[in-house]
Protein backbone atom coordinates (compact mmCIF):
# COMPACT_ATOMS: atom_id res chain seq x y z
CA MET A 1 -26.11 -9.41 14.32
CA ARG A 2 -25.72 -11.52 17.47
CA ILE A 3 -24.59 -14.57 15.48
CA LEU A 4 -22.05 -12.55 13.49
CA THR A 5 -20.78 -10.94 16.68
CA PHE A 6 -20.42 -14.41 18.19
CA LEU A 7 -18.31 -15.47 15.23
CA LEU A 8 -15.89 -12.62 15.81
CA CYS A 9 -16.08 -11.32 19.37
CA ALA A 10 -13.82 -14.03 20.81
CA ALA A 11 -10.94 -12.37 19.02
CA LEU A 12 -11.08 -9.61 21.66
CA ALA A 13 -9.34 -11.88 24.11
CA CYS A 14 -6.43 -12.41 21.76
CA GLY A 15 -3.36 -10.32 21.29
CA ARG A 16 -2.12 -9.54 17.83
CA ALA A 17 -1.03 -12.90 16.50
CA ASN A 18 1.73 -13.73 14.09
CA SER A 19 0.90 -13.15 10.43
CA LEU A 20 -2.15 -15.31 9.75
CA SER A 21 -1.40 -17.51 12.72
CA LEU A 22 -4.97 -17.56 13.98
CA SER A 23 -5.99 -18.02 17.58
CA PRO A 24 -8.43 -20.86 18.36
CA SER A 25 -11.38 -18.44 18.47
CA GLU A 26 -10.36 -16.78 15.20
CA ARG A 27 -9.84 -20.17 13.57
CA ASP A 28 -13.30 -21.22 14.73
CA ALA A 29 -14.80 -18.05 13.21
CA ALA A 30 -12.99 -18.73 9.92
CA GLU A 31 -14.22 -22.33 9.89
CA ARG A 32 -17.80 -21.21 10.50
CA ILE A 33 -17.59 -18.73 7.63
CA ALA A 34 -15.99 -21.34 5.35
CA GLU A 35 -18.76 -23.80 6.20
CA MET A 36 -21.54 -21.23 5.69
CA THR A 37 -20.21 -19.98 2.36
CA SER A 38 -19.72 -23.44 0.91
CA SER A 39 -23.40 -23.44 -0.09
CA ASP A 40 -25.77 -20.93 -1.67
CA GLN A 41 -28.01 -21.00 1.39
CA GLY A 42 -25.08 -20.30 3.69
CA ARG A 43 -23.88 -17.41 1.57
CA GLU A 44 -27.35 -15.87 1.64
CA ALA A 45 -27.53 -16.34 5.41
CA LEU A 46 -24.17 -14.63 5.89
CA GLN A 47 -25.27 -11.69 3.77
CA GLU A 48 -28.42 -11.42 5.88
CA LEU A 49 -26.28 -11.27 9.02
CA LEU A 50 -24.22 -8.49 7.49
CA GLN A 51 -27.43 -6.72 6.47
CA ASP A 52 -28.65 -6.83 10.07
CA GLU A 53 -25.26 -5.62 11.24
CA ASP A 54 -25.64 -2.51 9.12
CA GLN A 55 -29.32 -1.68 9.54
CA HIS A 56 -28.81 0.62 12.53
CA SER A 57 -26.19 2.75 10.80
CA SER A 58 -26.73 6.05 9.07
CA SER A 59 -27.07 6.19 5.31
CA MET A 60 -24.64 9.08 5.06
CA PHE A 61 -20.91 8.75 5.65
CA GLY A 62 -18.11 11.22 5.27
CA MET A 63 -15.49 10.27 2.70
CA LEU A 64 -11.93 11.25 1.91
CA SER A 65 -9.91 10.34 -1.12
CA GLY A 66 -6.23 9.82 -1.04
CA VAL A 67 -3.58 7.54 -2.19
CA GLY A 68 -2.11 4.27 -1.22
CA SER A 69 1.10 2.67 -0.01
CA HIS A 70 4.42 1.01 -0.40
CA ARG A 71 5.23 -2.14 1.55
CA GLU A 72 8.29 -4.23 2.02
CA GLN A 73 8.45 -7.10 -0.44
CA LEU A 74 7.69 -10.60 0.80
CA SER A 75 9.86 -12.33 -1.76
CA SER A 76 12.68 -14.57 -0.67
CA SER A 77 15.19 -11.94 -1.71
CA SER A 78 14.07 -9.63 1.09
CA SER A 79 15.50 -11.89 3.76
CA SER A 80 18.89 -12.04 2.13
CA SER A 81 19.18 -8.26 2.16
CA ALA A 82 19.48 -8.33 5.92
CA ALA A 83 23.01 -9.68 5.66
CA SER A 84 24.15 -7.88 2.57
CA GLY A 85 22.76 -4.43 3.44
CA PHE A 86 21.08 -1.97 1.12
CA LYS A 87 21.97 -1.44 -2.51
CA ILE A 88 20.28 1.97 -2.46
CA PRO A 89 21.02 4.36 0.43
CA PHE A 90 18.46 6.54 2.16
CA TYR A 91 18.70 10.22 1.22
CA PRO A 92 17.17 12.34 4.01
CA LYS A 93 17.56 15.57 2.03
CA ASN A 94 14.86 14.36 -0.36
CA SER A 95 12.24 14.41 2.41
CA THR A 96 10.27 17.24 3.97
CA VAL A 97 10.86 17.34 7.73
CA TYR A 98 8.51 18.31 10.55
CA ASP A 99 9.90 21.15 12.69
CA PRO A 100 8.21 21.09 16.13
CA THR A 101 9.62 24.53 17.05
CA LYS A 102 7.48 26.13 14.32
CA SER A 103 4.20 24.72 15.65
CA LYS A 104 2.29 26.56 18.38
CA SER A 105 0.27 23.42 19.21
CA PHE A 106 3.22 21.01 19.57
CA HIS A 107 3.81 19.06 22.80
CA VAL A 108 6.28 16.33 23.71
CA VAL A 109 4.79 13.08 25.03
CA PRO A 110 6.92 12.41 28.15
CA LYS A 111 9.02 9.24 28.29
CA GLN A 112 7.54 7.63 25.16
CA MET A 113 9.82 6.11 22.55
CA PHE A 114 8.92 5.47 18.91
CA LEU A 115 10.68 2.50 17.32
CA LEU A 116 10.00 0.31 14.30
CA ALA A 117 12.56 -2.32 13.27
CA TYR A 118 12.36 -4.29 10.02
CA ALA A 119 13.63 -7.70 8.93
CA ASP A 120 16.14 -6.12 6.52
CA ASN A 121 17.92 -4.28 9.39
CA SER A 122 16.26 -0.95 8.60
CA HIS A 123 14.58 1.04 11.34
CA LEU A 124 12.59 4.13 12.29
CA LYS A 125 13.48 5.67 15.65
CA GLY A 126 12.39 8.75 17.52
CA PHE A 127 10.06 10.09 20.18
CA GLN A 128 6.31 10.69 20.43
CA SER A 129 4.70 14.06 19.79
CA LYS A 130 1.24 15.52 20.24
CA ASP A 131 -0.02 18.05 17.70
CA VAL A 132 -2.89 18.81 15.35
CA VAL A 133 -2.97 16.41 12.35
CA GLN A 134 -5.18 17.18 9.35
CA LEU A 135 -6.33 14.74 6.67
CA GLY A 136 -8.49 16.39 4.05
CA ASP A 137 -11.21 18.40 5.82
CA PHE A 138 -10.81 16.52 9.09
CA TYR A 139 -8.27 17.23 11.83
CA VAL A 140 -7.54 16.13 15.38
CA GLU A 141 -5.06 16.85 18.15
CA THR A 142 -3.41 13.48 18.66
CA LYS A 143 -0.20 11.61 19.43
CA PHE A 144 2.08 10.33 16.66
CA GLY A 145 5.63 9.19 16.04
CA SER A 146 8.30 11.82 15.43
CA ILE A 147 10.94 9.91 13.44
CA THR A 148 14.41 11.38 13.93
CA ASP A 149 16.43 8.42 12.64
CA CYS A 150 15.74 6.45 9.42
CA ASN A 151 18.05 4.25 7.33
CA SER A 152 15.55 2.57 4.98
CA PRO A 153 15.70 3.35 1.24
CA ASP A 154 12.01 2.43 1.04
CA PHE A 155 11.31 5.93 2.41
CA ASN A 156 13.31 7.84 -0.19
CA GLY A 157 11.34 10.82 -1.42
CA VAL A 158 8.56 10.54 1.17
CA ASP A 159 8.11 12.05 4.61
CA GLY A 160 6.76 9.23 6.76
CA ILE A 161 4.08 6.54 6.99
CA LEU A 162 0.33 6.49 7.67
CA GLY A 163 -1.27 3.17 8.57
CA PHE A 164 -5.02 2.61 8.35
CA GLY A 165 -4.87 -0.84 9.90
CA MET A 166 -6.53 -1.86 13.15
CA PRO A 167 -4.87 -1.05 16.50
CA VAL A 168 -2.40 -3.40 18.12
CA GLN A 169 -4.16 -5.10 21.02
CA HIS A 170 -2.87 -4.93 24.62
CA GLN A 171 -0.19 -2.32 24.03
CA ALA A 172 0.54 -2.11 27.73
CA ALA A 173 2.15 -5.53 27.56
CA ALA A 174 5.28 -6.41 25.67
CA ALA A 175 4.77 -5.71 21.97
CA PRO A 176 3.41 -8.92 20.41
CA GLN A 177 4.19 -10.07 16.91
CA ALA A 178 1.81 -8.86 14.24
CA SER A 179 1.23 -8.69 10.52
CA GLY A 180 2.02 -5.66 8.45
CA ILE A 181 4.72 -3.15 9.38
CA ALA A 182 3.62 -3.22 13.02
CA ALA A 183 4.68 -6.87 13.14
CA MET A 184 8.30 -5.85 13.07
CA MET A 185 8.14 -3.34 15.89
CA SER A 186 10.60 -4.08 18.72
CA GLY A 187 10.64 -2.62 22.20
CA GLY A 188 13.30 -0.81 24.19
CA GLY A 189 16.26 -2.58 25.72
CA ALA A 190 16.64 -3.89 29.25
CA GLY A 191 14.75 -1.05 30.89
CA GLN A 192 17.21 1.56 29.67
CA LYS A 193 14.76 3.11 27.20
CA PRO A 194 11.09 4.10 27.40
CA PRO A 195 8.55 1.56 26.11
CA ALA A 196 8.00 1.58 22.33
CA THR A 197 4.21 1.70 22.53
CA LEU A 198 2.22 2.81 19.52
CA PRO A 199 0.02 5.92 19.64
CA LYS A 200 -3.68 5.63 18.81
CA PRO A 201 -4.06 5.12 15.02
CA LEU A 202 -4.97 8.31 13.17
CA LEU A 203 -8.18 6.81 11.76
CA PHE A 204 -9.35 6.02 15.29
CA ALA A 205 -8.30 9.42 16.59
CA LEU A 206 -10.25 11.13 13.79
CA THR A 207 -13.36 9.10 14.65
CA ASP A 208 -13.24 9.36 18.45
CA ARG A 209 -16.88 9.10 19.52
CA THR A 210 -16.17 10.51 23.00
CA SER A 211 -14.98 13.92 21.79
CA ARG A 212 -16.61 16.91 20.17
CA ASP A 213 -15.53 19.35 17.50
CA ASN A 214 -13.60 22.42 18.63
CA THR A 215 -10.85 24.70 17.35
CA ARG A 216 -8.35 21.83 17.26
CA ASN A 217 -10.65 18.95 16.33
CA LYS A 218 -13.05 18.30 13.47
CA PHE A 219 -14.04 14.66 13.67
CA LEU A 220 -15.16 12.19 11.04
CA ARG A 221 -18.36 10.57 12.32
CA ARG A 222 -18.09 7.21 10.53
CA ARG A 223 -15.12 4.87 11.00
CA ALA A 224 -14.93 3.36 7.51
CA PHE A 225 -12.91 3.86 4.33
CA SER A 226 -12.45 2.44 0.85
CA PHE A 227 -9.52 2.12 -1.51
CA LEU A 228 -9.31 1.88 -5.28
CA SER A 229 -6.73 2.36 -8.01
CA THR A 230 -7.64 2.92 -11.63
CA ASP A 231 -6.35 0.41 -14.17
CA CYS A 232 -5.21 2.55 -17.10
CA ASN A 233 -1.83 1.35 -18.31
CA THR A 234 -2.89 -1.94 -19.82
CA SER A 235 -4.00 -2.50 -23.38
CA HIS A 236 -7.38 -3.70 -22.13
CA SER A 237 -8.01 -0.60 -20.02
CA LYS A 238 -6.97 1.75 -22.84
CA GLU A 239 -9.40 0.07 -25.19
CA GLN A 240 -12.22 0.28 -22.67
CA SER A 241 -11.56 3.85 -21.43
CA PRO A 242 -9.01 5.64 -23.64
CA LYS A 243 -9.48 8.99 -21.82
CA ARG A 244 -9.20 7.57 -18.31
CA GLU A 245 -6.29 8.95 -16.31
CA CYS A 246 -4.06 6.97 -13.99
CA LYS A 247 -5.33 7.81 -10.52
CA ALA A 248 -6.18 6.27 -7.19
CA GLU A 249 -7.94 7.32 -4.02
CA ILE A 250 -9.06 6.38 -0.59
CA GLN A 251 -12.57 7.29 0.41
CA LEU A 252 -12.75 7.99 4.12
CA GLY A 253 -16.06 7.27 5.84
CA GLY A 254 -17.36 4.64 3.43
CA TYR A 255 -17.45 4.23 -0.35
CA ASP A 256 -18.87 6.15 -3.30
CA PRO A 257 -21.61 4.11 -5.03
CA ALA A 258 -20.69 5.86 -8.27
CA ALA A 259 -17.33 4.07 -8.16
CA VAL A 260 -18.96 0.62 -8.08
CA SER A 261 -20.62 -1.26 -10.90
CA GLY A 262 -23.47 -3.18 -9.29
CA LYS A 263 -23.63 -3.92 -5.58
CA MET A 264 -20.92 -4.26 -2.94
CA PHE A 265 -20.22 -7.84 -1.79
CA LEU A 266 -19.78 -8.07 1.99
CA THR A 267 -17.89 -10.48 4.20
CA PRO A 268 -16.66 -10.25 7.81
CA SER A 269 -13.03 -10.00 8.79
CA ILE A 270 -12.12 -13.00 10.91
CA THR A 271 -9.77 -11.00 13.15
CA ILE A 272 -9.75 -7.55 14.73
CA ASN A 273 -6.01 -7.25 14.20
CA ASP A 274 -5.78 -7.39 10.39
CA TYR A 275 -8.19 -7.21 7.49
CA VAL A 276 -8.40 -10.98 6.99
CA VAL A 277 -11.06 -12.72 4.89
CA VAL A 278 -11.72 -16.38 4.11
CA ALA A 279 -10.38 -17.58 0.73
CA LEU A 280 -12.10 -20.75 -0.49
CA SER A 281 -10.42 -21.08 -3.88
CA LEU A 282 -7.68 -19.62 -6.07
CA LYS A 283 -7.65 -20.72 -9.70
CA PHE A 284 -5.19 -19.94 -12.49
CA GLY A 285 -7.33 -20.37 -15.54
CA ASP A 286 -9.09 -23.68 -14.93
CA VAL A 287 -6.41 -25.04 -12.59
CA GLU A 288 -7.18 -25.01 -8.87
CA LEU A 289 -4.10 -23.86 -6.91
CA LEU A 290 -5.67 -24.34 -3.46
CA GLU A 291 -6.32 -28.06 -3.72
CA PHE A 292 -7.43 -28.77 -0.16
CA THR A 293 -7.00 -32.26 1.26
CA PRO A 294 -9.60 -32.14 4.11
CA LYS A 295 -13.11 -33.24 3.19
CA ASN A 296 -14.72 -31.24 5.98
CA PRO A 297 -15.89 -27.89 4.46
CA ARG A 298 -15.02 -26.12 7.72
CA LEU A 299 -11.34 -26.84 7.02
CA ARG A 300 -11.28 -26.00 3.32
CA TYR A 301 -10.21 -22.36 3.53
CA LEU A 302 -7.13 -20.16 3.66
CA PRO A 303 -6.93 -16.79 5.47
CA ALA A 304 -6.23 -13.87 3.13
CA ILE A 305 -5.05 -10.38 4.16
CA MET A 306 -6.42 -7.46 2.14
CA ASP A 307 -3.45 -5.08 2.04
CA SER A 308 -3.25 -1.92 -0.06
CA GLY A 309 0.45 -1.70 0.73
CA THR A 310 1.31 -4.90 -1.10
CA SER A 311 1.86 -4.72 -4.85
CA CYS A 312 1.39 -8.36 -5.76
CA LEU A 313 -0.48 -11.56 -5.09
CA VAL A 314 1.40 -13.56 -2.46
CA MET A 315 0.67 -17.26 -1.93
CA PRO A 316 2.19 -20.14 0.10
CA ASP A 317 5.05 -22.17 -1.33
CA SER A 318 4.33 -25.25 0.76
CA THR A 319 1.53 -27.72 1.45
CA MET A 320 0.84 -25.98 4.78
CA ASN A 321 1.44 -29.17 6.77
CA GLY A 322 -0.80 -31.21 4.51
CA LEU A 323 -3.61 -28.68 4.05
CA PHE A 324 -2.93 -28.74 0.28
CA LYS A 325 -2.09 -31.59 -2.01
CA ASP A 326 0.61 -29.48 -3.69
CA SER A 327 2.34 -26.16 -3.04
CA PRO A 328 0.15 -23.40 -4.62
CA TYR A 329 3.09 -21.26 -5.75
CA SER A 330 5.10 -24.18 -7.11
CA LYS A 331 2.03 -25.42 -8.93
CA TRP A 332 1.51 -22.01 -10.56
CA LYS A 333 5.20 -21.70 -11.44
CA SER A 334 5.16 -25.12 -13.11
CA ILE A 335 2.38 -23.83 -15.36
CA VAL A 336 3.97 -20.50 -16.39
CA GLN A 337 7.50 -22.04 -16.35
CA ASN A 338 9.35 -18.72 -16.57
CA THR A 339 8.10 -15.85 -14.37
CA HIS A 340 9.79 -13.30 -16.67
CA LYS A 341 8.39 -14.89 -19.82
CA PRO A 342 5.26 -16.80 -18.77
CA ALA A 343 4.30 -19.59 -21.13
CA VAL A 344 0.65 -19.27 -20.05
CA LYS A 345 -0.95 -15.83 -19.79
CA ASP A 346 -4.15 -16.71 -17.98
CA ASN A 347 -6.23 -14.95 -15.33
CA PHE A 348 -6.51 -15.65 -11.61
CA TYR A 349 -9.91 -16.28 -10.02
CA LEU A 350 -10.04 -15.70 -6.27
CA ASN A 351 -13.05 -16.98 -4.32
CA ILE A 352 -13.63 -15.02 -1.12
CA ALA A 353 -16.46 -16.29 1.09
CA GLY A 354 -18.32 -17.67 -1.91
CA ALA A 355 -17.84 -14.74 -4.34
CA THR A 356 -15.34 -15.00 -7.20
CA PHE A 357 -13.15 -12.08 -8.27
CA GLU A 358 -11.10 -12.05 -11.45
CA ILE A 359 -7.47 -10.84 -11.53
CA PRO A 360 -6.61 -10.46 -15.24
CA TYR A 361 -3.23 -11.15 -16.78
CA ASP A 362 -2.76 -7.42 -17.42
CA ASP A 363 -2.88 -6.83 -13.66
CA TRP A 364 -0.48 -9.51 -12.43
CA TRP A 365 2.02 -8.98 -15.26
CA LEU A 366 4.09 -5.76 -15.00
CA THR A 367 5.03 -4.77 -18.52
CA LEU A 368 7.40 -1.94 -17.60
CA SER A 369 9.54 -4.09 -15.32
CA ASN A 370 9.03 -7.24 -17.42
CA GLN A 371 8.14 -9.50 -14.51
CA SER A 372 5.17 -11.16 -12.88
CA CYS A 373 3.57 -9.68 -9.78
CA VAL A 374 3.03 -13.05 -8.15
CA GLN A 375 5.23 -13.96 -5.20
CA LYS A 376 5.68 -16.82 -2.80
CA ALA A 377 5.08 -16.19 0.87
CA PRO A 378 8.01 -16.38 3.29
CA PRO A 379 8.22 -19.36 5.65
CA GLY A 380 5.69 -19.15 8.46
CA PHE A 381 3.25 -16.93 6.58
CA GLY A 382 0.17 -19.12 6.60
CA GLY A 383 -2.13 -17.58 4.04
CA LEU A 384 -2.63 -15.28 1.06
CA LEU A 385 -1.68 -11.64 0.78
CA VAL A 386 -3.89 -9.80 -1.71
CA GLY A 387 -2.50 -6.46 -2.80
CA ASP A 388 -2.71 -3.91 -5.57
CA VAL A 389 -3.54 -6.52 -8.22
CA LEU A 390 -7.05 -6.58 -6.74
CA PHE A 391 -7.41 -2.87 -5.96
CA ARG A 392 -6.90 -1.95 -9.62
CA ARG A 393 -10.15 -3.69 -10.59
CA PHE A 394 -12.26 -3.45 -7.45
CA VAL A 395 -13.31 -0.96 -4.79
CA VAL A 396 -12.49 -2.43 -1.38
CA LEU A 397 -14.43 -1.18 1.65
CA PHE A 398 -13.06 -1.45 5.21
CA ASP A 399 -16.00 -0.90 7.58
CA LEU A 400 -14.95 -0.44 11.22
CA ARG A 401 -18.08 1.31 12.48
CA HIS A 402 -18.80 -1.56 14.90
CA TYR A 403 -15.17 -2.25 15.86
CA PRO A 404 -14.17 -4.20 17.91
CA GLU A 405 -17.33 -6.33 17.85
CA THR A 406 -17.23 -6.76 14.07
CA VAL A 407 -15.26 -5.54 11.06
CA VAL A 408 -16.79 -5.90 7.60
CA ILE A 409 -14.92 -6.02 4.28
CA GLY A 410 -16.73 -5.04 1.10
CA ILE A 411 -15.56 -5.73 -2.47
CA GLY A 412 -17.27 -4.19 -5.49
CA LYS A 413 -16.38 -4.21 -9.18
CA GLN A 414 -14.96 -0.86 -10.13
CA ASN A 415 -17.01 1.22 -12.55
CA LYS A 416 -14.80 1.67 -15.63
CA ASP A 417 -16.32 5.10 -16.25
CA TYR A 418 -15.64 6.34 -12.73
CA ILE A 419 -13.09 9.15 -12.59
CA PRO A 420 -11.49 9.47 -9.13
CA ALA A 421 -11.62 12.71 -7.17
CA GLN A 422 -13.50 14.91 -9.61
CA ARG A 423 -14.49 18.39 -8.48
CA HIS A 424 -17.74 18.63 -6.58
CA ALA A 425 -19.74 21.55 -5.26
CA THR A 426 -19.92 20.24 -1.70
CA ILE A 427 -16.66 18.37 -1.18
CA SER A 428 -13.03 19.42 -0.76
CA LYS A 429 -10.03 17.69 -2.31
CA LEU A 430 -6.28 17.66 -1.84
CA PRO A 431 -3.66 16.77 -4.46
CA ALA A 432 -1.25 13.88 -3.96
CA THR A 433 1.64 12.37 -5.90
CA LYS A 434 2.94 8.95 -6.92
CA ARG A 435 6.48 7.65 -7.11
CA VAL A 436 7.83 5.19 -9.66
CA PRO A 437 8.66 2.01 -7.70
CA THR A 438 12.15 0.58 -7.65
CA SER A 439 10.95 -3.04 -7.43
CA VAL A 440 7.94 -5.21 -6.86
CA GLY A 441 7.93 -7.51 -5.19
CA THR A 442 -19.92 -11.74 -6.59
CA GLU A 443 -21.14 -8.26 -6.69
CA HIS A 444 -24.41 -8.87 -4.90
CA ALA A 445 -25.03 -7.37 -1.47
CA PRO A 446 -28.20 -7.47 0.65
CA PRO A 447 -30.79 -5.05 -0.73
CA LYS A 448 -31.03 -3.14 2.56
CA TYR A 449 -27.31 -2.34 2.69
CA LYS A 450 -26.99 1.46 2.83
CA ALA A 451 -24.23 2.89 0.67
CA PRO A 452 -22.17 5.64 2.29
CA MET A 453 -21.83 8.77 0.18
CA ALA A 454 -18.65 10.67 -0.54
CA VAL A 455 -17.91 14.06 1.04
CA ASP A 456 -14.14 14.39 0.61
CA ARG A 457 -11.67 12.84 -1.85
CA ILE A 458 -8.01 13.24 -2.83
CA PRO A 459 -6.72 12.64 -6.41
CA ILE A 460 -3.35 11.12 -7.35
CA HIS A 461 -1.55 10.12 -10.54
CA ASN A 462 -0.99 6.39 -10.91
CA GLN A 463 1.60 5.55 -13.57
CA GLU A 464 3.16 2.35 -12.28
CA MET A 465 0.08 0.98 -10.49
CA THR A 466 1.94 -0.20 -7.40
CA GLN A 467 2.92 2.51 -4.89
CA TYR A 468 0.63 5.17 -3.45
CA PHE A 469 1.02 8.12 -1.10
CA ILE A 470 -1.30 10.45 0.79
CA ASN A 471 -0.89 14.07 1.84
CA VAL A 472 -1.28 15.10 5.49
CA SER A 473 -0.57 18.33 7.36
CA VAL A 474 0.62 18.75 10.93
CA GLY A 475 0.95 21.61 13.39
CA THR A 476 -0.20 25.21 13.84
CA PRO A 477 0.36 26.64 11.29
CA ARG A 478 0.13 23.54 9.11
CA GLN A 479 3.24 21.84 7.72
CA GLN A 480 2.58 19.66 4.64
CA PHE A 481 3.89 16.10 4.20
CA THR A 482 3.53 13.19 1.77
CA VAL A 483 3.47 9.84 3.54
CA ILE A 484 3.14 6.15 2.67
CA PHE A 485 -0.42 4.83 3.01
CA ASP A 486 -0.76 1.29 4.37
CA THR A 487 -3.70 -0.85 5.51
CA GLY A 488 -1.28 -3.44 6.91
CA SER A 489 -0.28 -1.34 9.92
CA SER A 490 -1.72 1.26 12.28
CA VAL A 491 1.42 3.40 12.52
CA PHE A 492 1.52 7.14 11.88
CA GLY A 493 4.96 8.75 11.95
CA ILE A 494 6.66 11.65 10.16
CA PHE A 495 10.30 12.62 9.80
CA THR A 496 11.20 15.19 12.47
CA ARG A 497 14.07 17.47 13.42
CA CYS A 498 15.63 16.74 16.79
CA ILE A 499 14.91 19.31 19.49
CA PRO A 500 16.68 19.71 22.87
CA ASN A 501 13.63 19.13 25.06
CA ALA A 502 12.59 15.94 23.22
CA PRO A 503 15.58 13.57 23.05
CA SER A 504 15.13 10.72 20.60
CA TYR A 505 16.90 7.39 20.48
CA GLY A 506 19.22 7.15 17.52
CA LYS A 507 20.89 9.63 15.21
CA CYS A 508 19.54 13.03 14.20
CA THR A 509 19.16 12.01 10.56
CA PHE A 510 17.10 15.08 9.74
CA GLY A 511 19.12 17.64 11.67
CA GLY A 512 18.33 19.55 14.80
CA GLY A 513 19.59 19.41 18.38
CA THR A 514 21.51 16.78 20.27
CA SER A 515 19.95 13.32 20.28
CA GLY A 516 20.82 9.66 20.09
CA ASP A 517 23.04 8.00 22.67
CA SER A 518 24.40 11.37 23.77
CA GLY A 519 20.82 12.46 24.40
CA MET A 520 20.34 9.41 26.58
CA LEU A 521 23.55 10.24 28.47
CA VAL A 522 22.35 13.79 29.01
CA GLU A 523 19.07 12.46 30.37
CA GLY A 524 20.97 10.12 32.69
CA ALA A 525 23.28 12.90 33.85
CA ILE A 526 20.31 15.15 34.57
CA MET A 527 18.65 12.39 36.58
CA ILE A 528 21.83 11.77 38.61
CA LEU A 529 22.36 15.48 39.19
CA THR A 530 18.75 15.88 40.29
CA PHE A 531 19.14 13.00 42.72
CA ALA A 532 22.39 14.47 44.08
CA VAL A 533 20.80 17.89 44.58
CA LEU A 534 17.83 16.28 46.32
CA CYS A 535 20.13 14.36 48.64
CA SER A 536 22.06 17.57 49.39
CA VAL A 537 18.90 19.45 50.25
CA ILE A 538 17.76 16.63 52.52
CA GLY A 539 21.19 16.63 54.17
CA ILE A 540 21.08 20.38 54.77
CA PHE A 541 17.65 20.22 56.38
CA ALA A 542 18.73 17.26 58.51
CA ASN A 543 21.82 19.15 59.64
CA LEU A 544 19.75 22.22 60.53
CA TYR A 545 17.31 20.05 62.48
CA TYR A 546 19.97 18.37 64.60
CA GLN A 547 21.81 21.66 65.12
CA ARG A 548 18.68 23.29 66.48
CA ARG A 549 17.98 20.29 68.64
CA HIS A 550 21.48 20.47 70.05
CA ASP A 551 21.09 24.19 70.74
CA ARG A 552 17.83 23.60 72.62
CA GLU A 553 19.41 20.89 74.76
CA GLU A 554 22.39 23.11 75.49
CA LYS A 555 20.15 26.00 76.46
CA LEU A 556 18.10 23.73 78.74
CA ALA A 557 21.23 22.44 80.43
CA ARG A 558 22.47 25.95 81.11
CA SER A 559 19.16 27.02 82.61
CA LYS A 560 19.20 24.08 85.02
CA SER A 561 22.79 24.68 86.06
CA LYS A 562 22.11 28.32 86.93
CA GLY A 563 19.64 27.28 89.64
CA LYS A 564 22.30 25.29 91.53
CA ASN A 565 25.48 27.19 90.62
CA PRO A 566 25.55 30.95 91.06
CA SER A 567 28.45 31.25 88.73
CA ASN A 568 27.84 31.97 85.11
CA SER A 569 29.71 28.91 84.08
CA SER A 570 27.74 25.92 82.93
CA TYR A 571 30.43 23.73 84.34
CA GLY A 572 30.15 24.46 88.06
CA PRO A 573 31.18 22.11 90.87
CA GLU A 574 27.90 20.23 90.81
CA ARG A 575 28.10 19.43 87.11
CA LEU A 576 31.78 18.61 87.31
CA ALA A 577 30.94 16.21 90.08
CA GLY A 578 28.60 14.46 87.74
CA TYR A 579 31.43 13.94 85.29
CA TYR A 580 34.42 13.32 87.57
CA GLY A 581 32.99 12.48 90.97
CA ALA A 582 33.36 14.55 94.16
CA VAL A 583 35.42 17.71 93.97
CA PRO A 584 37.73 18.35 96.97
């Protein structure tokens, strides 16, 4: 445990780096893992470390099933949309909107802005709220983003976003660049707006170890979850399991052993900012795409983000400054020739920390859209992005029980007979839905590893095998919403009506009271008026003070003059003499 912690703990000193741009300590951890897993003995040693890491944990976890996410596409076409705008507009009337005035437990978070800006010029703007948020059987009173302005067509038909990624580090400082949706967050402008800090991620709020259950909080006691999506629309899957429905789920608190065929393979995440593992090899058939040039085994690796919100397999389209002999994407494209009509229909084989996982042709080829789900990474993205093409065949565990010291990723082959979110006598379930997308963009674990057992799951229908959504409820009484699920960010925000006492920064896309720039002007006017009133009050008290002082001095002068001048006048001969000299 100490050695594994040493491999990863240095990442605590690092802010959230650019996508797969590792800090020196994170790079050293990745190199150590690459070196260890280059041999059978090293792989066994690493598994023993992970076994020790887990031996103090409980054998029982809570679990929640749900659905997964949509993510912006990383293809080269996404960058061009920034200049040309959107082909599909955002329709706010197709979304369910949170109404704070109908919740008895709602509170405004003072002077906190919520802002996410994306590379394609879309944005989410609003304020921060505090209310009761429920996910399955678990609920917590926590802060979240109330989105009052949205212009992104990616959110058509949904009500917000729920990120299960790790928190952004050092939020008090200026927002650093990051991977996932949080990478594109921008702060306020020139001190004129509140800081755009992110609230505590919902997963971390639900697993707060410092709090206890009460009327507004029912906590999940294990900070871990898994994600899987059934593979049912391919010819292979229909032959293997003709009665299997298209579904997916997340399992909150751990993973269900019944969903896994064999044992769960474990490997540490090399950062505490993203779920990043060490990829040692990526083959297309028998052809190695990651043909490393360094001879040192410590340098023969590529970071890979495990992201449920990405549909495809994303790989570099460059030599990574000489790390590879050839560009991995260009090498693959030269083999298939035409991405819409591939000449070679082979499988991918991804080696993660010494274990190889197969991605069949049926998973990376999308029959309905007649295109491949393999994309090249944008410039500056130094690694792999592994998305839904893996989750349709494997159960992926994200174990954050020992965060921030260590984060463990588990990958297990999905049991083809497993049916997600079936009824159970002791667990509760919530229904969820799936939207048709508009575009795409080994099994052995240490024997002492204790499998967490399911207690709560959520079923969904999975027809297109790319985009997933989860149901949440907010407020007292509860208001129901369907939101995007994403492991690439830690953001939780829902579309919200503007209200007078919570001005947001942008337009009131979803109706409600005055907001936007006018709201900011109203705030400024109120501040100026308050300052003016305060100055007036101070002036009045100062005037009263000096008036009373003057009256006391006048009274004292009169009393003195009466002793020397019998007249009632304060201006007798003696006093006049003081002003004008001797009086004749």
